[in-house]
Each structure stands twice: as C-alpha cells, then as structure tokens.
Protein backbone atom coordinates (compact mmCIF):
# COMPACT_ATOMS: atom_id res chain seq x y z
CA MET A 1 -16.42 35.88 83.14
CA VAL A 2 -18.56 32.89 83.41
CA ARG A 3 -19.14 30.93 80.19
CA ILE A 4 -22.30 28.91 79.50
CA GLU A 5 -22.15 26.09 76.92
CA LYS A 6 -24.88 23.92 75.55
CA TRP A 7 -27.27 26.55 76.58
CA ALA A 8 -31.09 27.00 76.09
CA VAL A 9 -33.58 29.95 77.07
CA VAL A 10 -36.33 28.66 79.27
CA PHE A 11 -39.42 30.07 80.65
CA VAL A 12 -39.55 30.47 84.38
CA SER A 13 -42.61 32.10 85.17
CA GLY A 14 -46.27 32.26 83.64
CA ASN A 15 -48.33 29.41 82.18
CA VAL A 16 -49.22 28.31 78.77
CA TYR A 17 -51.91 31.15 78.55
CA THR A 18 -49.23 33.88 79.27
CA PRO A 19 -47.80 35.51 76.17
CA PRO A 20 -44.14 34.81 75.91
CA GLU A 21 -43.10 38.37 76.09
CA GLN A 22 -44.60 38.58 79.48
CA ARG A 23 -42.83 35.69 80.95
CA ASP A 24 -39.76 35.58 82.64
CA ARG A 25 -36.76 33.79 81.00
CA ALA A 26 -33.53 32.15 82.21
CA LEU A 27 -30.73 30.24 80.79
CA TYR A 28 -30.09 26.49 81.39
CA GLY A 29 -26.73 25.01 80.48
CA ALA A 30 -23.15 23.96 81.61
CA VAL A 31 -21.21 26.67 83.31
CA TYR A 32 -17.26 27.18 83.23
CA GLY A 33 -15.37 29.59 85.48
CA HIS A 34 -18.44 30.02 88.03
CA PRO A 35 -17.29 30.71 91.37
CA LYS A 36 -19.83 28.38 93.02
CA PHE A 37 -20.14 25.47 90.73
CA GLU A 38 -17.68 22.76 89.39
CA GLU A 39 -16.76 23.02 85.57
CA GLY A 40 -19.42 21.66 83.27
CA PHE A 41 -22.19 21.79 86.19
CA MET A 42 -25.75 22.19 84.68
CA VAL A 43 -27.51 25.37 86.07
CA GLN A 44 -30.45 27.44 85.82
CA THR A 45 -29.56 30.90 85.83
CA SER A 46 -31.59 34.01 87.32
CA ASP A 47 -33.99 35.79 85.12
CA ILE A 48 -32.52 37.24 81.88
CA ILE A 49 -32.34 41.00 81.58
CA GLY A 50 -32.83 42.09 77.96
CA GLY A 51 -31.17 40.76 75.12
CA SER A 52 -27.46 39.54 74.39
CA VAL A 53 -24.90 42.06 73.58
CA LYS A 54 -21.96 41.57 71.35
CA THR A 55 -18.55 42.04 72.88
CA PRO A 56 -14.95 41.40 71.65
CA GLU A 57 -15.20 38.01 73.52
CA GLY A 58 -18.43 36.83 72.17
CA HIS A 59 -22.15 37.38 72.84
CA VAL A 60 -23.02 38.00 76.62
CA ALA A 61 -26.31 37.67 78.33
CA LYS A 62 -27.11 39.68 81.58
CA THR A 63 -29.12 37.88 84.30
CA ARG A 64 -30.14 39.24 87.68
CA SER A 65 -27.21 37.93 89.29
CA ARG A 66 -24.28 37.76 86.73
CA ASP A 67 -23.26 38.12 83.25
CA TYR A 68 -22.82 35.00 80.96
CA LEU A 69 -20.55 34.45 77.88
CA LEU A 70 -22.55 32.34 75.46
CA GLY A 71 -20.93 29.45 74.22
CA GLU A 72 -22.65 26.92 71.85
CA PRO A 73 -26.47 26.53 72.13
CA ASP A 74 -27.81 23.12 72.89
CA PRO A 75 -28.42 21.17 69.68
CA ALA A 76 -31.87 19.97 71.06
CA TYR A 77 -32.73 23.73 71.83
CA MET A 78 -31.80 24.55 68.18
CA THR A 79 -33.98 21.86 67.06
CA TRP A 80 -36.95 22.74 69.26
CA LEU A 81 -36.57 26.56 67.84
CA GLU A 82 -36.73 25.02 64.40
CA GLN A 83 -39.79 22.95 65.05
CA ASN A 84 -41.62 25.82 66.43
CA GLY A 85 -40.96 28.23 63.72
CA THR A 86 -38.37 30.28 65.44
CA THR A 87 -35.29 31.38 63.46
CA PHE A 88 -32.10 31.49 65.47
CA ASP A 89 -30.13 34.64 64.67
CA PRO A 90 -26.37 34.02 65.59
CA GLU A 91 -25.78 37.79 65.54
CA GLN A 92 -28.32 38.14 68.42
CA PRO A 93 -28.77 34.71 70.04
CA ILE A 94 -31.03 36.22 72.85
CA LYS A 95 -33.39 38.70 71.93
CA ASP A 96 -35.10 41.34 74.41
CA ALA A 97 -38.40 39.86 75.14
CA ASN A 98 -39.60 43.34 75.46
CA ALA A 99 -38.39 44.86 72.21
C-alpha cells in the first residue's frame, strides 16, 4: 500500500463561502511505494472519500484513485489546525466531512 508522510488535508473545490463539509478534500504529502512517483515525491491525491479507517497497519485514507497509509502529518498542518481551533484526533486523523 502507498504510504503518505508529512501529509495535510487540503480543500480542492468550492470557495471561501462554501461550507467545509460541502468542499472536496484531498491529501497533500510525500508518497512512498507509489507506482508512478519516486520515493518522497510530493503529491496531491484525488478526492478523499469518507474518513480514515484504522487497520492493523495504521490509519488508511481512501481516495478516488487509491488507498493511502497515513504516516506522520505535516507539523505545519498541525500548527494550522491548532491556530484555527481544530483538535487533531490521532484515533481518527481524517474525519468524514459528511458525518
């Protein structure tokens, strides 16, 4: 499975007036084990589908094109979450926007 490190959730659709739960989201980070990119290449994934799921290997995020094993989030993303009043939950790193 492809692993993504130093990742962040980014909005890929809508504008500042579109509520977050109605905007498509993707992952941005360094991928390892991806069939199309060199190790550590920074990518933006296709849209995230739902929230992350805990597996024996770790948390997995499903996108339209593939599943990604979540490594460590980007420290800058963690700072941004904190500054914007969002609590990071390590037991559910990516929440379903529609839940």
